[in-house]
């Protein structure tokens, strides 16, 4: 059972996606949080927040909102709103497992 619902995601993400579409992204976010964070964190409030921002991030894949600016022929790409939600989820993750590929540190030489 997920920690959040479509109302929670709608609080941080302005979207025209249906409840069913949001619930699908919430289910995906829940699986990621369960697999990557739960074994290392038992704070349900933090896990719910991570799940919410991760679901918002995933939802922007279907409802992208690109932030860009154009002035006098100069265009600047600021990134997508999805980036903002991803970074928020990563910042809230006390396990740091969302930010690491495969959930573990990659050693490079």
PDB file of N, CA and C in Angstrom:
ATOM      1  N   UNK A   1       0.842  -1.179   0.000  1.00  0.00           N
ATOM      2  CA  UNK A   1       0.000   0.000   0.000  1.00  0.00           C
ATOM      3  C   UNK A   1       0.892   1.249   0.000  1.00  0.00           C
ATOM      4  N   UNK A   2       0.582   2.173  -0.881  1.00  0.00           N
ATOM      5  CA  UNK A   2       1.388   3.385  -0.999  1.00  0.00           C
ATOM      6  C   UNK A   2       1.197   4.289   0.215  1.00  0.00           C
ATOM      7  N   UNK A   3       2.157   5.150   0.455  1.00  0.00           N
ATOM      8  CA  UNK A   3       2.114   6.076   1.583  1.00  0.00           C
ATOM      9  C   UNK A   3       1.351   7.356   1.245  1.00  0.00           C
ATOM     10  N   UNK A   4       1.138   7.593  -0.035  1.00  0.00           N
ATOM     11  CA  UNK A   4       0.529   8.834  -0.502  1.00  0.00           C
ATOM     12  C   UNK A   4      -0.596   8.514  -1.481  1.00  0.00           C
ATOM     13  N   UNK A   5      -1.330   9.547  -1.888  1.00  0.00           N
ATOM     14  CA  UNK A   5      -2.360   9.372  -2.912  1.00  0.00           C
ATOM     15  C   UNK A   5      -2.255  10.515  -3.925  1.00  0.00           C
ATOM     16  N   UNK A   6      -3.144  10.500  -4.897  1.00  0.00           N
ATOM     17  CA  UNK A   6      -3.066  11.490  -5.972  1.00  0.00           C
ATOM     18  C   UNK A   6      -3.254  12.919  -5.460  1.00  0.00           C
ATOM     19  N   UNK A   7      -3.975  13.090  -4.364  1.00  0.00           N
ATOM     20  CA  UNK A   7      -4.129  14.437  -3.794  1.00  0.00           C
ATOM     21  C   UNK A   7      -2.785  14.994  -3.323  1.00  0.00           C
ATOM     22  N   UNK A   8      -1.977  14.127  -2.733  1.00  0.00           N
ATOM     23  CA  UNK A   8      -0.664  14.558  -2.248  1.00  0.00           C
ATOM     24  C   UNK A   8       0.214  15.032  -3.398  1.00  0.00           C
ATOM     25  N   UNK A   9       0.231  14.285  -4.482  1.00  0.00           N
ATOM     26  CA  UNK A   9       1.044  14.665  -5.638  1.00  0.00           C
ATOM     27  C   UNK A   9       0.512  15.950  -6.254  1.00  0.00           C
ATOM     28  N   UNK A  10      -0.809  16.085  -6.297  1.00  0.00           N
ATOM     29  CA  UNK A  10      -1.420  17.295  -6.861  1.00  0.00           C
ATOM     30  C   UNK A  10      -1.068  18.547  -6.062  1.00  0.00           C
ATOM     31  N   UNK A  11      -0.687  18.376  -4.804  1.00  0.00           N
ATOM     32  CA  UNK A  11      -0.273  19.514  -3.979  1.00  0.00           C
ATOM     33  C   UNK A  11       1.039  20.125  -4.461  1.00  0.00           C
ATOM     34  N   UNK A  12       1.910  19.291  -5.052  1.00  0.00           N
ATOM     35  CA  UNK A  12       3.215  19.798  -5.501  1.00  0.00           C
ATOM     36  C   UNK A  12       3.335  19.896  -7.014  1.00  0.00           C
ATOM     37  N   UNK A  13       2.451  19.219  -7.744  1.00  0.00           N
ATOM     38  CA  UNK A  13       2.536  19.178  -9.198  1.00  0.00           C
ATOM     39  C   UNK A  13       1.214  19.624  -9.799  1.00  0.00           C
ATOM     40  N   UNK A  14       1.249  20.737 -10.493  1.00  0.00           N
ATOM     41  CA  UNK A  14       0.065  21.177 -11.209  1.00  0.00           C
ATOM     42  C   UNK A  14       0.007  20.385 -12.510  1.00  0.00           C
ATOM     43  N   UNK A  15      -1.050  19.581 -12.658  1.00  0.00           N
ATOM     44  CA  UNK A  15      -1.122  18.689 -13.808  1.00  0.00           C
ATOM     45  C   UNK A  15      -2.561  18.445 -14.222  1.00  0.00           C
ATOM     46  N   UNK A  16      -2.719  18.051 -15.464  1.00  0.00           N
ATOM     47  CA  UNK A  16      -4.021  17.662 -15.987  1.00  0.00           C
ATOM     48  C   UNK A  16      -4.157  16.138 -16.045  1.00  0.00           C
ATOM     49  N   UNK A  17      -3.180  15.419 -15.507  1.00  0.00           N
ATOM     50  CA  UNK A  17      -3.249  13.965 -15.507  1.00  0.00           C
ATOM     51  C   UNK A  17      -4.417  13.503 -14.645  1.00  0.00           C
ATOM     52  N   UNK A  18      -5.013  12.383 -15.018  1.00  0.00           N
ATOM     53  CA  UNK A  18      -6.145  11.840 -14.270  1.00  0.00           C
ATOM     54  C   UNK A  18      -5.674  11.196 -12.966  1.00  0.00           C
ATOM     55  N   UNK A  19      -6.624  10.915 -12.092  1.00  0.00           N
ATOM     56  CA  UNK A  19      -6.307  10.229 -10.842  1.00  0.00           C
ATOM     57  C   UNK A  19      -5.631   8.894 -11.130  1.00  0.00           C
ATOM     58  N   UNK A  20      -6.168   8.151 -12.098  1.00  0.00           N
ATOM     59  CA  UNK A  20      -5.612   6.840 -12.432  1.00  0.00           C
ATOM     60  C   UNK A  20      -4.173   6.963 -12.940  1.00  0.00           C
ATOM     61  N   UNK A  21      -3.915   7.966 -13.757  1.00  0.00           N
ATOM     62  CA  UNK A  21      -2.554   8.163 -14.258  1.00  0.00           C
ATOM     63  C   UNK A  21      -1.607   8.499 -13.109  1.00  0.00           C
ATOM     64  N   UNK A  22      -2.026   9.390 -12.223  1.00  0.00           N
ATOM     65  CA  UNK A  22      -1.187   9.735 -11.074  1.00  0.00           C
ATOM     66  C   UNK A  22      -0.975   8.531 -10.170  1.00  0.00           C
ATOM     67  N   UNK A  23      -2.015   7.743  -9.955  1.00  0.00           N
ATOM     68  CA  UNK A  23      -1.886   6.562  -9.097  1.00  0.00           C
ATOM     69  C   UNK A  23      -0.881   5.564  -9.670  1.00  0.00           C
ATOM     70  N   UNK A  24      -0.799   5.460 -10.998  1.00  0.00           N
ATOM     71  CA  UNK A  24       0.184   4.573 -11.614  1.00  0.00           C
ATOM     72  C   UNK A  24       1.605   5.048 -11.315  1.00  0.00           C
ATOM     73  N   UNK A  25       1.832   6.351 -11.393  1.00  0.00           N
ATOM     74  CA  UNK A  25       3.160   6.890 -11.076  1.00  0.00           C
ATOM     75  C   UNK A  25       3.457   6.756  -9.580  1.00  0.00           C
ATOM     76  N   UNK A  26       2.448   6.903  -8.763  1.00  0.00           N
ATOM     77  CA  UNK A  26       2.614   6.724  -7.315  1.00  0.00           C
ATOM     78  C   UNK A  26       3.015   5.281  -7.010  1.00  0.00           C
ATOM     79  N   UNK A  27       2.377   4.333  -7.669  1.00  0.00           N
ATOM     80  CA  UNK A  27       2.723   2.920  -7.464  1.00  0.00           C
ATOM     81  C   UNK A  27       4.175   2.655  -7.857  1.00  0.00           C
ATOM     82  N   UNK A  28       4.612   3.240  -8.959  1.00  0.00           N
ATOM     83  CA  UNK A  28       6.011   3.081  -9.378  1.00  0.00           C
ATOM     84  C   UNK A  28       6.959   3.707  -8.364  1.00  0.00           C
ATOM     85  N   UNK A  29       6.637   4.906  -7.907  1.00  0.00           N
ATOM     86  CA  UNK A  29       7.475   5.578  -6.914  1.00  0.00           C
ATOM     87  C   UNK A  29       7.529   4.761  -5.625  1.00  0.00           C
ATOM     88  N   UNK A  30       6.406   4.197  -5.245  1.00  0.00           N
ATOM     89  CA  UNK A  30       6.347   3.377  -4.026  1.00  0.00           C
ATOM     90  C   UNK A  30       7.292   2.181  -4.138  1.00  0.00           C
ATOM     91  N   UNK A  31       7.281   1.520  -5.297  1.00  0.00           N
ATOM     92  CA  UNK A  31       8.181   0.371  -5.488  1.00  0.00           C
ATOM     93  C   UNK A  31       9.646   0.786  -5.374  1.00  0.00           C
ATOM     94  N   UNK A  32       9.987   1.920  -5.940  1.00  0.00           N
ATOM     95  CA  UNK A  32      11.379   2.392  -5.860  1.00  0.00           C
ATOM     96  C   UNK A  32      11.748   2.684  -4.406  1.00  0.00           C
ATOM     97  N   UNK A  33      10.884   3.370  -3.690  1.00  0.00           N
ATOM     98  CA  UNK A  33      11.151   3.700  -2.283  1.00  0.00           C
ATOM     99  C   UNK A  33      11.261   2.419  -1.458  1.00  0.00           C
ATOM    100  N   UNK A  34      10.363   1.474  -1.703  1.00  0.00           N
ATOM    101  CA  UNK A  34      10.418   0.208  -0.963  1.00  0.00           C
ATOM    102  C   UNK A  34      11.727  -0.529  -1.216  1.00  0.00           C
ATOM    103  N   UNK A  35      12.147  -0.584  -2.471  1.00  0.00           N
ATOM    104  CA  UNK A  35      13.361  -1.319  -2.820  1.00  0.00           C
ATOM    105  C   UNK A  35      14.636  -0.629  -2.374  1.00  0.00           C
ATOM    106  N   UNK A  36      14.675   0.691  -2.506  1.00  0.00           N
ATOM    107  CA  UNK A  36      15.933   1.406  -2.290  1.00  0.00           C
ATOM    108  C   UNK A  36      16.073   2.048  -0.922  1.00  0.00           C
ATOM    109  N   UNK A  37      14.995   2.525  -0.341  1.00  0.00           N
ATOM    110  CA  UNK A  37      15.107   3.319   0.880  1.00  0.00           C
ATOM    111  C   UNK A  37      14.660   2.600   2.151  1.00  0.00           C
ATOM    112  N   UNK A  38      13.584   1.832   2.059  1.00  0.00           N
ATOM    113  CA  UNK A  38      13.002   1.215   3.254  1.00  0.00           C
ATOM    114  C   UNK A  38      13.983   0.342   4.030  1.00  0.00           C
ATOM    115  N   UNK A  39      14.835  -0.434   3.356  1.00  0.00           N
ATOM    116  CA  UNK A  39      15.760  -1.246   4.150  1.00  0.00           C
ATOM    117  C   UNK A  39      16.734  -0.419   5.011  1.00  0.00           C
ATOM    118  N   UNK A  40      16.846   0.872   4.723  1.00  0.00           N
ATOM    119  CA  UNK A  40      17.831   1.704   5.403  1.00  0.00           C
ATOM    120  C   UNK A  40      17.220   2.880   6.157  1.00  0.00           C
ATOM    121  N   UNK A  41      15.899   3.014   6.107  1.00  0.00           N
ATOM    122  CA  UNK A  41      15.224   4.141   6.775  1.00  0.00           C
ATOM    123  C   UNK A  41      13.837   3.684   7.206  1.00  0.00           C
ATOM    124  N   UNK A  42      13.467   3.982   8.457  1.00  0.00           N
ATOM    125  CA  UNK A  42      12.143   3.592   8.937  1.00  0.00           C
ATOM    126  C   UNK A  42      11.258   4.789   9.287  1.00  0.00           C
ATOM    127  N   UNK A  43      11.663   5.975   8.868  1.00  0.00           N
ATOM    128  CA  UNK A  43      10.871   7.189   9.126  1.00  0.00           C
ATOM    129  C   UNK A  43       9.794   7.311   8.052  1.00  0.00           C
ATOM    130  N   UNK A  44       8.570   6.932   8.395  1.00  0.00           N
ATOM    131  CA  UNK A  44       7.472   6.912   7.423  1.00  0.00           C
ATOM    132  C   UNK A  44       7.166   8.297   6.848  1.00  0.00           C
ATOM    133  N   UNK A  45       7.358   9.357   7.634  1.00  0.00           N
ATOM    134  CA  UNK A  45       7.128  10.706   7.132  1.00  0.00           C
ATOM    135  C   UNK A  45       8.100  11.066   6.025  1.00  0.00           C
ATOM    136  N   UNK A  46       9.364  10.761   6.238  1.00  0.00           N
ATOM    137  CA  UNK A  46      10.388  11.015   5.222  1.00  0.00           C
ATOM    138  C   UNK A  46      10.133  10.143   3.997  1.00  0.00           C
ATOM    139  N   UNK A  47       9.817   8.880   4.203  1.00  0.00           N
ATOM    140  CA  UNK A  47       9.563   7.982   3.077  1.00  0.00           C
ATOM    141  C   UNK A  47       8.362   8.461   2.259  1.00  0.00           C
ATOM    142  N   UNK A  48       7.333   8.972   2.933  1.00  0.00           N
ATOM    143  CA  UNK A  48       6.164   9.497   2.216  1.00  0.00           C
ATOM    144  C   UNK A  48       6.545  10.724   1.391  1.00  0.00           C
ATOM    145  N   UNK A  49       7.376  11.591   1.940  1.00  0.00           N
ATOM    146  CA  UNK A  49       7.813  12.775   1.191  1.00  0.00           C
ATOM    147  C   UNK A  49       8.636  12.389  -0.023  1.00  0.00           C
ATOM    148  N   UNK A  50       9.539  11.443   0.146  1.00  0.00           N
ATOM    149  CA  UNK A  50      10.339  10.969  -0.990  1.00  0.00           C
ATOM    150  C   UNK A  50       9.421  10.388  -2.056  1.00  0.00           C
ATOM    151  N   UNK A  51       8.469   9.572  -1.621  1.00  0.00           N
ATOM    152  CA  UNK A  51       7.520   8.950  -2.553  1.00  0.00           C
ATOM    153  C   UNK A  51       6.725  10.011  -3.318  1.00  0.00           C
ATOM    154  N   UNK A  52       6.325  11.071  -2.632  1.00  0.00           N
ATOM    155  CA  UNK A  52       5.534  12.125  -3.265  1.00  0.00           C
ATOM    156  C   UNK A  52       6.340  12.841  -4.354  1.00  0.00           C
ATOM    157  N   UNK A  53       7.549  13.269  -4.015  1.00  0.00           N
ATOM    158  CA  UNK A  53       8.350  13.990  -5.002  1.00  0.00           C
ATOM    159  C   UNK A  53       8.827  13.077  -6.125  1.00  0.00           C
ATOM    160  N   UNK A  54       9.091  11.826  -5.820  1.00  0.00           N
ATOM    161  CA  UNK A  54       9.480  10.885  -6.863  1.00  0.00           C
ATOM    162  C   UNK A  54       8.297  10.625  -7.800  1.00  0.00           C
ATOM    163  N   UNK A  55       7.098  10.496  -7.271  1.00  0.00           N
ATOM    164  CA  UNK A  55       5.909  10.321  -8.117  1.00  0.00           C
ATOM    165  C   UNK A  55       5.689  11.547  -8.995  1.00  0.00           C
ATOM    166  N   UNK A  56       5.888  12.728  -8.446  1.00  0.00           N
ATOM    167  CA  UNK A  56       5.753  13.958  -9.242  1.00  0.00           C
ATOM    168  C   UNK A  56       6.786  13.968 -10.359  1.00  0.00           C
ATOM    169  N   UNK A  57       7.999  13.563 -10.043  1.00  0.00           N
ATOM    170  CA  UNK A  57       9.052  13.486 -11.054  1.00  0.00           C
ATOM    171  C   UNK A  57       8.656  12.517 -12.172  1.00  0.00           C
ATOM    172  N   UNK A  58       8.187  11.341 -11.803  1.00  0.00           N
ATOM    173  CA  UNK A  58       7.784  10.352 -12.798  1.00  0.00           C
ATOM    174  C   UNK A  58       6.604  10.844 -13.627  1.00  0.00           C
ATOM    175  N   UNK A  59       5.679  11.537 -12.999  1.00  0.00           N
ATOM    176  CA  UNK A  59       4.497  12.044 -13.711  1.00  0.00           C
ATOM    177  C   UNK A  59       4.873  13.062 -14.781  1.00  0.00           C
ATOM    178  N   UNK A  60       5.953  13.791 -14.571  1.00  0.00           N
ATOM    179  CA  UNK A  60       6.357  14.776 -15.580  1.00  0.00           C
ATOM    180  C   UNK A  60       6.854  14.115 -16.864  1.00  0.00           C
ATOM    181  N   UNK A  61       7.101  12.804 -16.823  1.00  0.00           N
ATOM    182  CA  UNK A  61       7.476  12.113 -18.060  1.00  0.00           C
ATOM    183  C   UNK A  61       6.289  12.051 -19.023  1.00  0.00           C
ATOM    184  N   UNK A  62       5.082  12.041 -18.480  1.00  0.00           N
ATOM    185  CA  UNK A  62       3.886  12.019 -19.319  1.00  0.00           C
ATOM    186  C   UNK A  62       3.303  13.409 -19.515  1.00  0.00           C
ATOM    187  N   UNK A  63       3.571  14.287 -18.577  1.00  0.00           N
ATOM    188  CA  UNK A  63       3.052  15.657 -18.621  1.00  0.00           C
ATOM    189  C   UNK A  63       4.215  16.611 -18.398  1.00  0.00           C
ATOM    190  N   UNK A  64       5.150  16.665 -19.387  1.00  0.00           N
ATOM    191  CA  UNK A  64       6.351  17.477 -19.184  1.00  0.00           C
ATOM    192  C   UNK A  64       6.042  18.967 -19.203  1.00  0.00           C
ATOM    193  N   UNK A  65       6.741  19.670 -18.385  1.00  0.00           N
ATOM    194  CA  UNK A  65       6.622  21.121 -18.344  1.00  0.00           C
ATOM    195  C   UNK A  65       8.037  21.670 -18.383  1.00  0.00           C
ATOM    196  N   UNK A  66       8.431  22.102 -19.553  1.00  0.00           N
ATOM    197  CA  UNK A  66       9.792  22.586 -19.738  1.00  0.00           C
ATOM    198  C   UNK A  66       9.853  24.055 -19.343  1.00  0.00           C
ATOM    199  N   UNK A  67      10.849  24.358 -18.569  1.00  0.00           N
ATOM    200  CA  UNK A  67      11.065  25.740 -18.161  1.00  0.00           C
ATOM    201  C   UNK A  67      12.161  26.328 -19.032  1.00  0.00           C
ATOM    202  N   UNK A  68      11.795  27.313 -19.841  1.00  0.00           N
ATOM    203  CA  UNK A  68      12.789  27.958 -20.681  1.00  0.00           C
ATOM    204  C   UNK A  68      12.442  29.427 -20.808  1.00  0.00           C
ATOM    205  N   UNK A  69      13.410  30.175 -21.252  1.00  0.00           N
ATOM    206  CA  UNK A  69      13.206  31.605 -21.419  1.00  0.00           C
ATOM    207  C   UNK A  69      13.789  32.014 -22.756  1.00  0.00           C
ATOM    208  N   UNK A  70      13.165  32.961 -23.397  1.00  0.00           N
ATOM    209  CA  UNK A  70      13.658  33.475 -24.664  1.00  0.00           C
ATOM    210  C   UNK A  70      13.516  34.991 -24.639  1.00  0.00           C
ATOM    211  N   UNK A  71      14.599  35.675 -24.972  1.00  0.00           N
ATOM    212  CA  UNK A  71      14.558  37.129 -24.986  1.00  0.00           C
ATOM    213  C   UNK A  71      15.468  37.628 -26.096  1.00  0.00           C
ATOM    214  N   UNK A  72      14.912  38.385 -27.002  1.00  0.00           N
ATOM    215  CA  UNK A  72      15.663  38.983 -28.099  1.00  0.00           C
ATOM    216  C   UNK A  72      16.526  37.966 -28.844  1.00  0.00           C
ATOM    217  N   UNK A  73      15.897  36.829 -29.171  1.00  0.00           N
ATOM    218  CA  UNK A  73      16.592  35.824 -29.964  1.00  0.00           C
ATOM    219  C   UNK A  73      17.536  34.930 -29.192  1.00  0.00           C
ATOM    220  N   UNK A  74      17.657  35.118 -27.897  1.00  0.00           N
ATOM    221  CA  UNK A  74      18.522  34.273 -27.080  1.00  0.00           C
ATOM    222  C   UNK A  74      17.644  33.337 -26.271  1.00  0.00           C
ATOM    223  N   UNK A  75      17.850  32.041 -26.456  1.00  0.00           N
ATOM    224  CA  UNK A  75      17.074  31.042 -25.731  1.00  0.00           C
ATOM    225  C   UNK A  75      17.945  30.404 -24.662  1.00  0.00           C
ATOM    226  N   UNK A  76      17.354  30.202 -23.498  1.00  0.00           N
ATOM    227  CA  UNK A  76      18.060  29.517 -22.407  1.00  0.00           C
ATOM    228  C   UNK A  76      17.162  28.411 -21.888  1.00  0.00           C
ATOM    229  N   UNK A  77      17.667  27.201 -21.868  1.00  0.00           N
ATOM    230  CA  UNK A  77      16.937  26.054 -21.350  1.00  0.00           C
ATOM    231  C   UNK A  77      17.229  25.933 -19.857  1.00  0.00           C
ATOM    232  N   UNK A  78      16.184  25.948 -19.059  1.00  0.00           N
ATOM    233  CA  UNK A  78      16.360  25.894 -17.611  1.00  0.00           C
ATOM    234  C   UNK A  78      16.159  24.497 -17.051  1.00  0.00           C
ATOM    235  N   UNK A  79      15.789  23.562 -17.887  1.00  0.00           N
ATOM    236  CA  UNK A  79      15.513  22.215 -17.419  1.00  0.00           C
ATOM    237  C   UNK A  79      14.019  21.993 -17.311  1.00  0.00           C
ATOM    238  N   UNK A  80      13.640  20.796 -16.934  1.00  0.00           N
ATOM    239  CA  UNK A  80      12.230  20.492 -16.798  1.00  0.00           C
ATOM    240  C   UNK A  80      11.822  20.571 -15.342  1.00  0.00           C
ATOM    241  N   UNK A  81      10.527  20.726 -15.130  1.00  0.00           N
ATOM    242  CA  UNK A  81      10.018  20.691 -13.762  1.00  0.00           C
ATOM    243  C   UNK A  81      10.341  19.365 -13.097  1.00  0.00           C
ATOM    244  N   UNK A  82      10.385  18.295 -13.907  1.00  0.00           N
ATOM    245  CA  UNK A  82      10.702  16.983 -13.370  1.00  0.00           C
ATOM    246  C   UNK A  82      12.037  16.965 -12.643  1.00  0.00           C
ATOM    247  N   UNK A  83      12.997  17.721 -13.156  1.00  0.00           N
ATOM    248  CA  UNK A  83      14.300  17.812 -12.490  1.00  0.00           C
ATOM    249  C   UNK A  83      14.150  18.344 -11.072  1.00  0.00           C
ATOM    250  N   UNK A  84      13.298  19.331 -10.926  1.00  0.00           N
ATOM    251  CA  UNK A  84      13.077  19.934  -9.608  1.00  0.00           C
ATOM    252  C   UNK A  84      12.548  18.900  -8.622  1.00  0.00           C
ATOM    253  N   UNK A  85      11.592  18.073  -9.042  1.00  0.00           N
ATOM    254  CA  UNK A  85      11.009  17.070  -8.152  1.00  0.00           C
ATOM    255  C   UNK A  85      12.005  15.954  -7.846  1.00  0.00           C
ATOM    256  N   UNK A  86      12.808  15.585  -8.833  1.00  0.00           N
ATOM    257  CA  UNK A  86      13.840  14.570  -8.614  1.00  0.00           C
ATOM    258  C   UNK A  86      14.841  15.059  -7.562  1.00  0.00           C
ATOM    259  N   UNK A  87      15.304  16.290  -7.713  1.00  0.00           N
ATOM    260  CA  UNK A  87      16.282  16.829  -6.768  1.00  0.00           C
ATOM    261  C   UNK A  87      15.697  16.923  -5.361  1.00  0.00           C
ATOM    262  N   UNK A  88      14.436  17.258  -5.256  1.00  0.00           N
ATOM    263  CA  UNK A  88      13.797  17.321  -3.940  1.00  0.00           C
ATOM    264  C   UNK A  88      13.750  15.928  -3.305  1.00  0.00           C
ATOM    265  N   UNK A  89      13.388  14.917  -4.091  1.00  0.00           N
ATOM    266  CA  UNK A  89      13.359  13.543  -3.572  1.00  0.00           C
ATOM    267  C   UNK A  89      14.743  13.114  -3.106  1.00  0.00           C
ATOM    268  N   UNK A  90      15.755  13.426  -3.901  1.00  0.00           N
ATOM    269  CA  UNK A  90      17.131  13.061  -3.548  1.00  0.00           C
ATOM    270  C   UNK A  90      17.570  13.783  -2.270  1.00  0.00           C
ATOM    271  N   UNK A  91      17.233  15.055  -2.151  1.00  0.00           N
ATOM    272  CA  UNK A  91      17.602  15.806  -0.949  1.00  0.00           C
ATOM    273  C   UNK A  91      16.941  15.257   0.306  1.00  0.00           C
ATOM    274  N   UNK A  92      15.738  14.757   0.181  1.00  0.00           N
ATOM    275  CA  UNK A  92      15.016  14.220   1.334  1.00  0.00           C
ATOM    276  C   UNK A  92      15.472  12.820   1.724  1.00  0.00           C
ATOM    277  N   UNK A  93      16.140  12.120   0.834  1.00  0.00           N
ATOM    278  CA  UNK A  93      16.534  10.725   1.054  1.00  0.00           C
ATOM    279  C   UNK A  93      17.722  10.626   2.007  1.00  0.00           C
ATOM    280  N   UNK A  94      17.493  10.230   3.260  1.00  0.00           N
ATOM    281  CA  UNK A  94      18.609  10.133   4.209  1.00  0.00           C
ATOM    282  C   UNK A  94      19.536   8.962   3.912  1.00  0.00           C
ATOM    283  N   UNK A  95      19.089   8.028   3.088  1.00  0.00           N
ATOM    284  CA  UNK A  95      19.922   6.869   2.771  1.00  0.00           C
ATOM    285  C   UNK A  95      20.866   7.146   1.616  1.00  0.00           C
ATOM    286  N   UNK A  96      20.600   8.199   0.845  1.00  0.00           N
ATOM    287  CA  UNK A  96      21.383   8.560  -0.332  1.00  0.00           C
ATOM    288  C   UNK A  96      21.373   7.465  -1.396  1.00  0.00           C
ATOM    289  N   UNK A  97      20.372   6.600  -1.357  1.00  0.00           N
ATOM    290  CA  UNK A  97      20.319   5.488  -2.310  1.00  0.00           C
ATOM    291  C   UNK A  97      19.616   5.856  -3.609  1.00  0.00           C
ATOM    292  N   UNK A  98      18.799   6.911  -3.614  1.00  0.00           N
ATOM    293  CA  UNK A  98      18.185   7.335  -4.871  1.00  0.00           C
ATOM    294  C   UNK A  98      19.216   7.930  -5.815  1.00  0.00           C
ATOM    295  N   UNK A  99      20.173   8.635  -5.249  1.00  0.00           N
ATOM    296  CA  UNK A  99      21.160   9.369  -6.053  1.00  0.00           C
ATOM    297  C   UNK A  99      22.258   8.475  -6.606  1.00  0.00           C
ATOM    298  N   UNK A 100      22.374   7.258  -6.096  1.00  0.00           N
ATOM    299  CA  UNK A 100      23.463   6.378  -6.516  1.00  0.00           C
ATOM    300  C   UNK A 100      22.974   5.355  -7.522  1.00  0.00           C
ATOM    301  N   UNK A 101      23.634   5.191  -8.647  1.00  0.00           N
ATOM    302  CA  UNK A 101      23.244   4.181  -9.633  1.00  0.00           C
ATOM    303  C   UNK A 101      23.259   2.792  -8.996  1.00  0.00           C
ATOM    304  N   UNK A 102      22.174   2.087  -9.164  1.00  0.00           N
ATOM    305  CA  UNK A 102      22.106   0.740  -8.607  1.00  0.00           C
ATOM    306  C   UNK A 102      22.020   0.719  -7.095  1.00  0.00           C
ATOM    307  N   UNK A 103      21.957   1.890  -6.479  1.00  0.00           N
ATOM    308  CA  UNK A 103      21.843   1.944  -5.025  1.00  0.00           C
ATOM    309  C   UNK A 103      23.141   1.751  -4.277  1.00  0.00           C
ATOM    310  N   UNK A 104      24.248   1.752  -4.974  1.00  0.00           N
ATOM    311  CA  UNK A 104      25.526   1.587  -4.289  1.00  0.00           C
ATOM    312  C   UNK A 104      26.579   2.463  -4.948  1.00  0.00           C
ATOM    313  N   UNK A 105      27.651   2.670  -4.272  1.00  0.00           N
ATOM    314  CA  UNK A 105      28.720   3.539  -4.758  1.00  0.00           C
ATOM    315  C   UNK A 105      29.458   2.852  -5.898  1.00  0.00           C
ATOM    316  N   UNK A 106      29.674   3.595  -6.960  1.00  0.00           N
ATOM    317  CA  UNK A 106      30.442   3.082  -8.104  1.00  0.00           C
ATOM    318  C   UNK A 106      31.892   3.546  -7.936  1.00  0.00           C
ATOM    319  N   UNK A 107      32.806   2.605  -7.848  1.00  0.00           N
ATOM    320  CA  UNK A 107      34.227   2.945  -7.728  1.00  0.00           C
ATOM    321  C   UNK A 107      34.803   3.144  -9.117  1.00  0.00           C
ATOM    322  N   UNK A 108      35.520   4.239  -9.290  1.00  0.00           N
ATOM    323  CA  UNK A 108      36.184   4.505 -10.564  1.00  0.00           C
ATOM    324  C   UNK A 108      37.672   4.666 -10.332  1.00  0.00           C
ATOM    325  N   UNK A 109      38.438   4.324 -11.347  1.00  0.00           N
ATOM    326  CA  UNK A 109      39.904   4.492 -11.219  1.00  0.00           C
ATOM    327  C   UNK A 109      40.425   5.309 -12.345  1.00  0.00           C
TER     328      UNK A 109
END
